[in-house]
Amino acid sequence: MARFNVTDKGGVLDQGFFDFHIVRPHVIVALLLGIGIVAGVVRAVMHDYFGVDPYVIALNVGWAIFSLIILMAAIAVARETKQVRKTIRVEVQIPAIIHYASGISSRTQTSNLSMGGAQLDAPDGRHETDEIEEIDLLLKSGAITIPVSQISGDDESIRLRFEAMPLARRRELVRVVLARADAWIQPEYKQDNPLISLGTIIRTVFELFWLTWKGRHDKRKNVDPVAAAAKEDGAA
């Protein structure tokens, strides 16, 4: 039975990969189109020898190139990029209170929020020396207290991971993150420009080759030191 092979919801990918099997027919057609384009260019250049109208050949070659670009964009979809975030993140500003291990509390606000953690504006530099234990999210319906651990922080922001919490509190968090009226409102997109869209598609195609080459290069770089160390151990 066929299945749509996508990343499991809530899962992560440690490294990107290219799923060749699902686009094998597309790759075959792309190769045939490439051969046809090369043959068309040769016939257009040597039109006197082949006895063909170069403008007709140019029209067909142009259409084939356009088709190849669209087909390569479809092939690029088969590349899965590295995915490290388990939950969706929503840009939202909610008043919050940070509770430190020393007993001191600071007022601030969130810059984004997810089911797994939050990013807060840093009210001061205390988070660099004082451990953060909990945060309060100040909602219109009341405040909810969430135990947290700090992932990272700088002069401008603090990134926190939510620790285990009671089911009732998690339900409240779901309501805050996902069920707000403005949670999914996005600014209007600019009017589509065909040339810009075509440029985006072409860039996507080039990124496919670049990411594939970069992934192999990084993998080879990581394997070489291991192989060298194993060779030295064997020689010893």
C-alpha atoms as a PDB file:
ATOM      1  CA  MET A   1       0.000   0.000   0.000  1.00  0.00           C
ATOM      2  CA  ALA A   2       1.344   3.429  -0.936  1.00  0.00           C
ATOM      3  CA  ARG A   3       1.954   5.977   1.783  1.00  0.00           C
ATOM      4  CA  PHE A   4       2.861   9.633   1.972  1.00  0.00           C
ATOM      5  CA  ASN A   5       6.313   9.658   3.520  1.00  0.00           C
ATOM      6  CA  VAL A   6       6.622  12.765   5.683  1.00  0.00           C
ATOM      7  CA  THR A   7       8.268  13.537   8.996  1.00  0.00           C
ATOM      8  CA  ASP A   8       6.175  12.230  11.885  1.00  0.00           C
ATOM      9  CA  LYS A   9       4.272  14.955  13.708  1.00  0.00           C
ATOM     10  CA  GLY A  10       6.204  15.885  16.822  1.00  0.00           C
ATOM     11  CA  GLY A  11       9.298  14.110  15.500  1.00  0.00           C
ATOM     12  CA  VAL A  12      12.675  15.495  14.551  1.00  0.00           C
ATOM     13  CA  LEU A  13      15.323  14.814  11.914  1.00  0.00           C
ATOM     14  CA  ASP A  14      18.923  14.695  13.112  1.00  0.00           C
ATOM     15  CA  GLN A  15      20.184  15.240   9.576  1.00  0.00           C
ATOM     16  CA  GLY A  16      18.754  16.045   6.172  1.00  0.00           C
ATOM     17  CA  PHE A  17      18.421  13.467   3.412  1.00  0.00           C
ATOM     18  CA  PHE A  18      17.187  13.101  -0.160  1.00  0.00           C
ATOM     19  CA  ASP A  19      14.406  10.550  -0.698  1.00  0.00           C
ATOM     20  CA  PHE A  20      15.326   9.349  -4.191  1.00  0.00           C
ATOM     21  CA  HIS A  21      12.769   6.549  -4.351  1.00  0.00           C
ATOM     22  CA  ILE A  22       9.680   8.773  -4.345  1.00  0.00           C
ATOM     23  CA  VAL A  23      10.988  10.951  -7.209  1.00  0.00           C
ATOM     24  CA  ARG A  24      12.639   8.267  -9.341  1.00  0.00           C
ATOM     25  CA  PRO A  25      10.113   8.725 -12.215  1.00  0.00           C
ATOM     26  CA  HIS A  26      10.646  12.496 -12.079  1.00  0.00           C
ATOM     27  CA  VAL A  27      14.420  12.044 -12.278  1.00  0.00           C
ATOM     28  CA  ILE A  28      14.078   9.760 -15.316  1.00  0.00           C
ATOM     29  CA  VAL A  29      11.860  12.292 -17.113  1.00  0.00           C
ATOM     30  CA  ALA A  30      14.268  15.104 -16.156  1.00  0.00           C
ATOM     31  CA  LEU A  31      17.179  13.173 -17.699  1.00  0.00           C
ATOM     32  CA  LEU A  32      15.179  12.626 -20.894  1.00  0.00           C
ATOM     33  CA  LEU A  33      14.332  16.330 -21.011  1.00  0.00           C
ATOM     34  CA  GLY A  34      18.011  17.191 -20.522  1.00  0.00           C
ATOM     35  CA  ILE A  35      18.988  14.913 -23.411  1.00  0.00           C
ATOM     36  CA  GLY A  36      16.266  16.475 -25.545  1.00  0.00           C
ATOM     37  CA  ILE A  37      17.470  19.997 -24.759  1.00  0.00           C
ATOM     38  CA  VAL A  38      21.059  19.129 -25.699  1.00  0.00           C
ATOM     39  CA  ALA A  39      19.880  17.498 -28.929  1.00  0.00           C
ATOM     40  CA  GLY A  40      17.705  20.528 -29.688  1.00  0.00           C
ATOM     41  CA  VAL A  41      20.578  22.956 -29.183  1.00  0.00           C
ATOM     42  CA  VAL A  42      22.787  20.875 -31.503  1.00  0.00           C
ATOM     43  CA  ARG A  43      20.083  20.815 -34.203  1.00  0.00           C
ATOM     44  CA  ALA A  44      19.502  24.570 -33.828  1.00  0.00           C
ATOM     45  CA  VAL A  45      23.218  25.350 -34.192  1.00  0.00           C
ATOM     46  CA  MET A  46      23.581  22.967 -37.175  1.00  0.00           C
ATOM     47  CA  HIS A  47      20.181  23.789 -38.687  1.00  0.00           C
ATOM     48  CA  ASP A  48      21.592  23.946 -42.217  1.00  0.00           C
ATOM     49  CA  TYR A  49      22.964  20.414 -41.904  1.00  0.00           C
ATOM     50  CA  PHE A  50      19.731  18.999 -40.447  1.00  0.00           C
ATOM     51  CA  GLY A  51      17.472  21.104 -42.652  1.00  0.00           C
ATOM     52  CA  VAL A  52      15.291  22.424 -39.813  1.00  0.00           C
ATOM     53  CA  ASP A  53      13.904  25.825 -38.874  1.00  0.00           C
ATOM     54  CA  PRO A  54      16.061  27.129 -35.976  1.00  0.00           C
ATOM     55  CA  TYR A  55      13.173  29.227 -34.606  1.00  0.00           C
ATOM     56  CA  VAL A  56      10.939  26.194 -34.281  1.00  0.00           C
ATOM     57  CA  ILE A  57      13.743  24.316 -32.507  1.00  0.00           C
ATOM     58  CA  ALA A  58      14.351  27.332 -30.230  1.00  0.00           C
ATOM     59  CA  LEU A  59      10.667  27.388 -29.281  1.00  0.00           C
ATOM     60  CA  ASN A  60      10.722  23.700 -28.368  1.00  0.00           C
ATOM     61  CA  VAL A  61      14.010  24.017 -26.462  1.00  0.00           C
ATOM     62  CA  GLY A  62      12.652  26.987 -24.492  1.00  0.00           C
ATOM     63  CA  TRP A  63       9.512  25.075 -23.566  1.00  0.00           C
ATOM     64  CA  ALA A  64      11.614  22.050 -22.575  1.00  0.00           C
ATOM     65  CA  ILE A  65      13.845  24.218 -20.348  1.00  0.00           C
ATOM     66  CA  PHE A  66      10.792  25.688 -18.615  1.00  0.00           C
ATOM     67  CA  SER A  67       9.369  22.188 -18.101  1.00  0.00           C
ATOM     68  CA  LEU A  68      12.715  20.989 -16.729  1.00  0.00           C
ATOM     69  CA  ILE A  69      12.822  23.844 -14.204  1.00  0.00           C
ATOM     70  CA  ILE A  70       9.336  23.001 -12.903  1.00  0.00           C
ATOM     71  CA  LEU A  71      10.191  19.297 -12.820  1.00  0.00           C
ATOM     72  CA  MET A  72      13.413  19.944 -10.906  1.00  0.00           C
ATOM     73  CA  ALA A  73      11.435  22.007  -8.389  1.00  0.00           C
ATOM     74  CA  ALA A  74       9.179  18.986  -7.863  1.00  0.00           C
ATOM     75  CA  ILE A  75      12.274  16.805  -7.380  1.00  0.00           C
ATOM     76  CA  ALA A  76      13.635  19.282  -4.823  1.00  0.00           C
ATOM     77  CA  VAL A  77      10.606  18.569  -2.620  1.00  0.00           C
ATOM     78  CA  ALA A  78      12.071  15.106  -1.954  1.00  0.00           C
ATOM     79  CA  ARG A  79      14.849  16.660   0.103  1.00  0.00           C
ATOM     80  CA  GLU A  80      14.093  16.590   3.825  1.00  0.00           C
ATOM     81  CA  THR A  81      16.022  19.236   5.726  1.00  0.00           C
ATOM     82  CA  LYS A  82      17.256  18.889   9.273  1.00  0.00           C
ATOM     83  CA  GLN A  83      14.418  19.453  11.715  1.00  0.00           C
ATOM     84  CA  VAL A  84      15.148  19.997  15.395  1.00  0.00           C
ATOM     85  CA  ARG A  85      11.998  21.740  16.610  1.00  0.00           C
ATOM     86  CA  LYS A  86       9.304  19.367  17.882  1.00  0.00           C
ATOM     87  CA  THR A  87       6.495  21.908  18.279  1.00  0.00           C
ATOM     88  CA  ILE A  88       5.227  24.883  16.320  1.00  0.00           C
ATOM     89  CA  ARG A  89       6.277  28.323  17.537  1.00  0.00           C
ATOM     90  CA  VAL A  90       3.894  31.306  17.584  1.00  0.00           C
ATOM     91  CA  GLU A  91       5.027  34.924  17.678  1.00  0.00           C
ATOM     92  CA  VAL A  92       3.094  36.444  20.600  1.00  0.00           C
ATOM     93  CA  GLN A  93       3.715  39.043  23.300  1.00  0.00           C
ATOM     94  CA  ILE A  94       2.281  37.975  26.675  1.00  0.00           C
ATOM     95  CA  PRO A  95       3.204  39.654  29.980  1.00  0.00           C
ATOM     96  CA  ALA A  96       5.301  37.292  32.089  1.00  0.00           C
ATOM     97  CA  ILE A  97       7.106  37.093  35.411  1.00  0.00           C
ATOM     98  CA  ILE A  98      10.420  35.256  35.764  1.00  0.00           C
ATOM     99  CA  HIS A  99      11.061  33.521  39.091  1.00  0.00           C
ATOM    100  CA  TYR A 100      14.728  32.927  39.932  1.00  0.00           C
ATOM    101  CA  ALA A 101      16.199  30.356  42.312  1.00  0.00           C
ATOM    102  CA  SER A 102      17.311  33.180  44.611  1.00  0.00           C
ATOM    103  CA  GLY A 103      13.675  34.172  45.176  1.00  0.00           C
ATOM    104  CA  ILE A 104      13.862  37.324  43.053  1.00  0.00           C
ATOM    105  CA  SER A 105      11.211  37.891  40.357  1.00  0.00           C
ATOM    106  CA  SER A 106      11.400  40.074  37.238  1.00  0.00           C
ATOM    107  CA  ARG A 107       8.662  41.309  34.916  1.00  0.00           C
ATOM    108  CA  THR A 108       9.044  40.879  31.172  1.00  0.00           C
ATOM    109  CA  GLN A 109       7.099  39.560  28.171  1.00  0.00           C
ATOM    110  CA  THR A 110       7.310  36.683  25.723  1.00  0.00           C
ATOM    111  CA  SER A 111       8.502  37.207  22.163  1.00  0.00           C
ATOM    112  CA  ASN A 112       7.372  33.754  21.007  1.00  0.00           C
ATOM    113  CA  LEU A 113       5.727  30.731  22.563  1.00  0.00           C
ATOM    114  CA  SER A 114       5.309  27.032  21.806  1.00  0.00           C
ATOM    115  CA  MET A 115       4.089  23.892  23.540  1.00  0.00           C
ATOM    116  CA  GLY A 116       7.700  23.036  24.338  1.00  0.00           C
ATOM    117  CA  GLY A 117       9.127  26.334  25.495  1.00  0.00           C
ATOM    118  CA  ALA A 118       9.244  30.101  25.209  1.00  0.00           C
ATOM    119  CA  GLN A 119      11.530  32.970  24.352  1.00  0.00           C
ATOM    120  CA  LEU A 120      11.337  35.996  26.647  1.00  0.00           C
ATOM    121  CA  ASP A 121      12.785  39.485  26.477  1.00  0.00           C
ATOM    122  CA  ALA A 122      15.657  39.684  28.956  1.00  0.00           C
ATOM    123  CA  PRO A 123      14.755  42.284  31.617  1.00  0.00           C
ATOM    124  CA  ASP A 124      18.353  42.402  32.845  1.00  0.00           C
ATOM    125  CA  GLY A 125      21.442  40.199  33.057  1.00  0.00           C
ATOM    126  CA  ARG A 126      20.372  38.240  36.127  1.00  0.00           C
ATOM    127  CA  HIS A 127      19.655  35.093  34.081  1.00  0.00           C
ATOM    128  CA  GLU A 128      23.387  34.771  33.379  1.00  0.00           C
ATOM    129  CA  THR A 129      24.168  34.066  37.051  1.00  0.00           C
ATOM    130  CA  ASP A 130      20.831  33.133  38.662  1.00  0.00           C
ATOM    131  CA  GLU A 131      18.947  29.963  37.689  1.00  0.00           C
ATOM    132  CA  ILE A 132      15.390  30.384  36.410  1.00  0.00           C
ATOM    133  CA  GLU A 133      12.923  27.980  38.045  1.00  0.00           C
ATOM    134  CA  GLU A 134       9.472  29.102  36.879  1.00  0.00           C
ATOM    135  CA  ILE A 135       7.656  31.675  34.801  1.00  0.00           C
ATOM    136  CA  ASP A 136       4.161  33.106  35.170  1.00  0.00           C
ATOM    137  CA  LEU A 137       2.182  33.857  32.020  1.00  0.00           C
ATOM    138  CA  LEU A 138      -0.228  36.687  32.863  1.00  0.00           C
ATOM    139  CA  LEU A 139      -3.435  36.063  30.924  1.00  0.00           C
ATOM    140  CA  LYS A 140      -6.767  37.848  31.014  1.00  0.00           C
ATOM    141  CA  SER A 141      -8.268  34.739  32.620  1.00  0.00           C
ATOM    142  CA  GLY A 142      -5.509  34.643  35.231  1.00  0.00           C
ATOM    143  CA  ALA A 143      -1.867  33.628  35.580  1.00  0.00           C
ATOM    144  CA  ILE A 144      -0.474  30.159  34.911  1.00  0.00           C
ATOM    145  CA  THR A 145       2.815  29.054  36.446  1.00  0.00           C
ATOM    146  CA  ILE A 146       5.093  26.820  34.375  1.00  0.00           C
ATOM    147  CA  PRO A 147       8.320  25.149  35.569  1.00  0.00           C
ATOM    148  CA  VAL A 148      11.167  25.803  33.135  1.00  0.00           C
ATOM    149  CA  SER A 149      14.857  25.227  32.498  1.00  0.00           C
ATOM    150  CA  GLN A 150      17.056  27.674  30.638  1.00  0.00           C
ATOM    151  CA  ILE A 151      18.434  26.661  27.242  1.00  0.00           C
ATOM    152  CA  SER A 152      20.368  29.812  26.412  1.00  0.00           C
ATOM    153  CA  GLY A 153      20.311  33.545  26.909  1.00  0.00           C
ATOM    154  CA  ASP A 154      21.982  36.791  25.942  1.00  0.00           C
ATOM    155  CA  ASP A 155      21.559  40.509  26.594  1.00  0.00           C
ATOM    156  CA  GLU A 156      18.314  40.647  24.599  1.00  0.00           C
ATOM    157  CA  SER A 157      16.455  37.359  25.086  1.00  0.00           C
ATOM    158  CA  ILE A 158      16.143  34.183  27.155  1.00  0.00           C
ATOM    159  CA  ARG A 159      15.209  30.798  25.679  1.00  0.00           C
ATOM    160  CA  LEU A 160      13.435  28.434  28.057  1.00  0.00           C
ATOM    161  CA  ARG A 161      12.249  24.825  27.896  1.00  0.00           C
ATOM    162  CA  PHE A 162       9.035  23.831  29.667  1.00  0.00           C
ATOM    163  CA  GLU A 163       9.383  21.024  32.197  1.00  0.00           C
ATOM    164  CA  ALA A 164       6.722  18.431  33.075  1.00  0.00           C
ATOM    165  CA  MET A 165       3.462  20.019  34.212  1.00  0.00           C
ATOM    166  CA  PRO A 166      -0.001  18.834  35.304  1.00  0.00           C
ATOM    167  CA  LEU A 167      -2.529  18.011  32.577  1.00  0.00           C
ATOM    168  CA  ALA A 168      -4.820  20.890  33.560  1.00  0.00           C
ATOM    169  CA  ARG A 169      -1.966  23.373  33.177  1.00  0.00           C
ATOM    170  CA  ARG A 170      -0.977  21.902  29.819  1.00  0.00           C
ATOM    171  CA  ARG A 171      -4.555  22.324  28.607  1.00  0.00           C
ATOM    172  CA  GLU A 172      -4.342  25.974  29.582  1.00  0.00           C
ATOM    173  CA  LEU A 173      -1.074  26.246  27.662  1.00  0.00           C
ATOM    174  CA  VAL A 174      -2.733  24.722  24.583  1.00  0.00           C
ATOM    175  CA  ARG A 175      -5.417  27.387  24.813  1.00  0.00           C
ATOM    176  CA  VAL A 176      -2.797  30.129  25.071  1.00  0.00           C
ATOM    177  CA  VAL A 177      -0.563  28.898  22.243  1.00  0.00           C
ATOM    178  CA  LEU A 178      -2.995  27.439  19.733  1.00  0.00           C
ATOM    179  CA  ALA A 179      -6.540  28.576  20.515  1.00  0.00           C
ATOM    180  CA  ARG A 180      -6.187  32.357  20.658  1.00  0.00           C
ATOM    181  CA  ALA A 181      -8.184  34.314  18.065  1.00  0.00           C
ATOM    182  CA  ASP A 182      -5.026  35.999  16.738  1.00  0.00           C
ATOM    183  CA  ALA A 183      -2.729  32.961  16.902  1.00  0.00           C
ATOM    184  CA  TRP A 184      -2.824  32.263  13.158  1.00  0.00           C
ATOM    185  CA  ILE A 185      -3.369  35.754  11.748  1.00  0.00           C
ATOM    186  CA  GLN A 186      -0.579  36.601   9.328  1.00  0.00           C
ATOM    187  CA  PRO A 187       0.141  39.896   7.538  1.00  0.00           C
ATOM    188  CA  GLU A 188      -1.057  40.092   3.955  1.00  0.00           C
ATOM    189  CA  TYR A 189       1.401  38.849   1.364  1.00  0.00           C
ATOM    190  CA  LYS A 190       2.570  41.110  -1.428  1.00  0.00           C
ATOM    191  CA  GLN A 191       0.929  40.622  -4.796  1.00  0.00           C
ATOM    192  CA  ASP A 192       2.545  37.745  -6.643  1.00  0.00           C
ATOM    193  CA  ASN A 193       5.107  38.643  -9.298  1.00  0.00           C
ATOM    194  CA  PRO A 194       5.585  35.901 -11.938  1.00  0.00           C
ATOM    195  CA  LEU A 195       9.266  36.719 -12.516  1.00  0.00           C
ATOM    196  CA  ILE A 196      10.047  36.753  -8.790  1.00  0.00           C
ATOM    197  CA  SER A 197       8.183  33.456  -8.371  1.00  0.00           C
ATOM    198  CA  LEU A 198      10.148  31.917 -11.249  1.00  0.00           C
ATOM    199  CA  GLY A 199      13.368  33.158  -9.655  1.00  0.00           C
ATOM    200  CA  THR A 200      12.334  31.542  -6.366  1.00  0.00           C
ATOM    201  CA  ILE A 201      11.733  28.224  -8.139  1.00  0.00           C
ATOM    202  CA  ILE A 202      15.124  28.394  -9.876  1.00  0.00           C
ATOM    203  CA  ARG A 203      16.821  29.207  -6.550  1.00  0.00           C
ATOM    204  CA  THR A 204      15.096  26.191  -4.991  1.00  0.00           C
ATOM    205  CA  VAL A 205      16.491  23.970  -7.747  1.00  0.00           C
ATOM    206  CA  PHE A 206      20.039  25.258  -7.209  1.00  0.00           C
ATOM    207  CA  GLU A 207      19.654  24.841  -3.443  1.00  0.00           C
ATOM    208  CA  LEU A 208      18.837  21.166  -4.044  1.00  0.00           C
ATOM    209  CA  PHE A 209      22.246  20.583  -5.637  1.00  0.00           C
ATOM    210  CA  TRP A 210      24.041  22.848  -3.154  1.00  0.00           C
ATOM    211  CA  LEU A 211      22.540  21.176  -0.061  1.00  0.00           C
ATOM    212  CA  THR A 212      23.171  17.710  -1.495  1.00  0.00           C
ATOM    213  CA  TRP A 213      26.814  18.552  -2.218  1.00  0.00           C
ATOM    214  CA  LYS A 214      27.243  20.252   1.164  1.00  0.00           C
ATOM    215  CA  GLY A 215      25.726  17.274   3.003  1.00  0.00           C
ATOM    216  CA  ARG A 216      28.085  14.822   1.292  1.00  0.00           C
ATOM    217  CA  HIS A 217      31.053  17.121   1.901  1.00  0.00           C
ATOM    218  CA  ASP A 218      30.256  17.448   5.615  1.00  0.00           C
ATOM    219  CA  LYS A 219      29.706  13.703   5.934  1.00  0.00           C
ATOM    220  CA  ARG A 220      33.046  13.008   4.223  1.00  0.00           C
ATOM    221  CA  LYS A 221      34.746  15.530   6.513  1.00  0.00           C
ATOM    222  CA  ASN A 222      33.320  13.797   9.593  1.00  0.00           C
ATOM    223  CA  VAL A 223      34.229  10.317   8.357  1.00  0.00           C
ATOM    224  CA  ASP A 224      37.849  11.127   7.416  1.00  0.00           C
ATOM    225  CA  PRO A 225      39.098  11.796  10.992  1.00  0.00           C
ATOM    226  CA  VAL A 226      37.422   8.603  12.198  1.00  0.00           C
ATOM    227  CA  ALA A 227      39.004   6.586   9.383  1.00  0.00           C
ATOM    228  CA  ALA A 228      42.392   8.169  10.058  1.00  0.00           C
ATOM    229  CA  ALA A 229      42.159   7.356  13.766  1.00  0.00           C
ATOM    230  CA  ALA A 230      41.168   3.766  12.995  1.00  0.00           C
ATOM    231  CA  LYS A 231      44.090   3.462  10.584  1.00  0.00           C
ATOM    232  CA  GLU A 232      46.509   4.744  13.230  1.00  0.00           C
ATOM    233  CA  ASP A 233      45.122   2.294  15.791  1.00  0.00           C
ATOM    234  CA  GLY A 234      45.543  -0.544  13.295  1.00  0.00           C
ATOM    235  CA  ALA A 235      49.103   0.490  12.561  1.00  0.00           C
ATOM    236  CA  ALA A 236      49.879   0.630  16.260  1.00  0.00           C
END
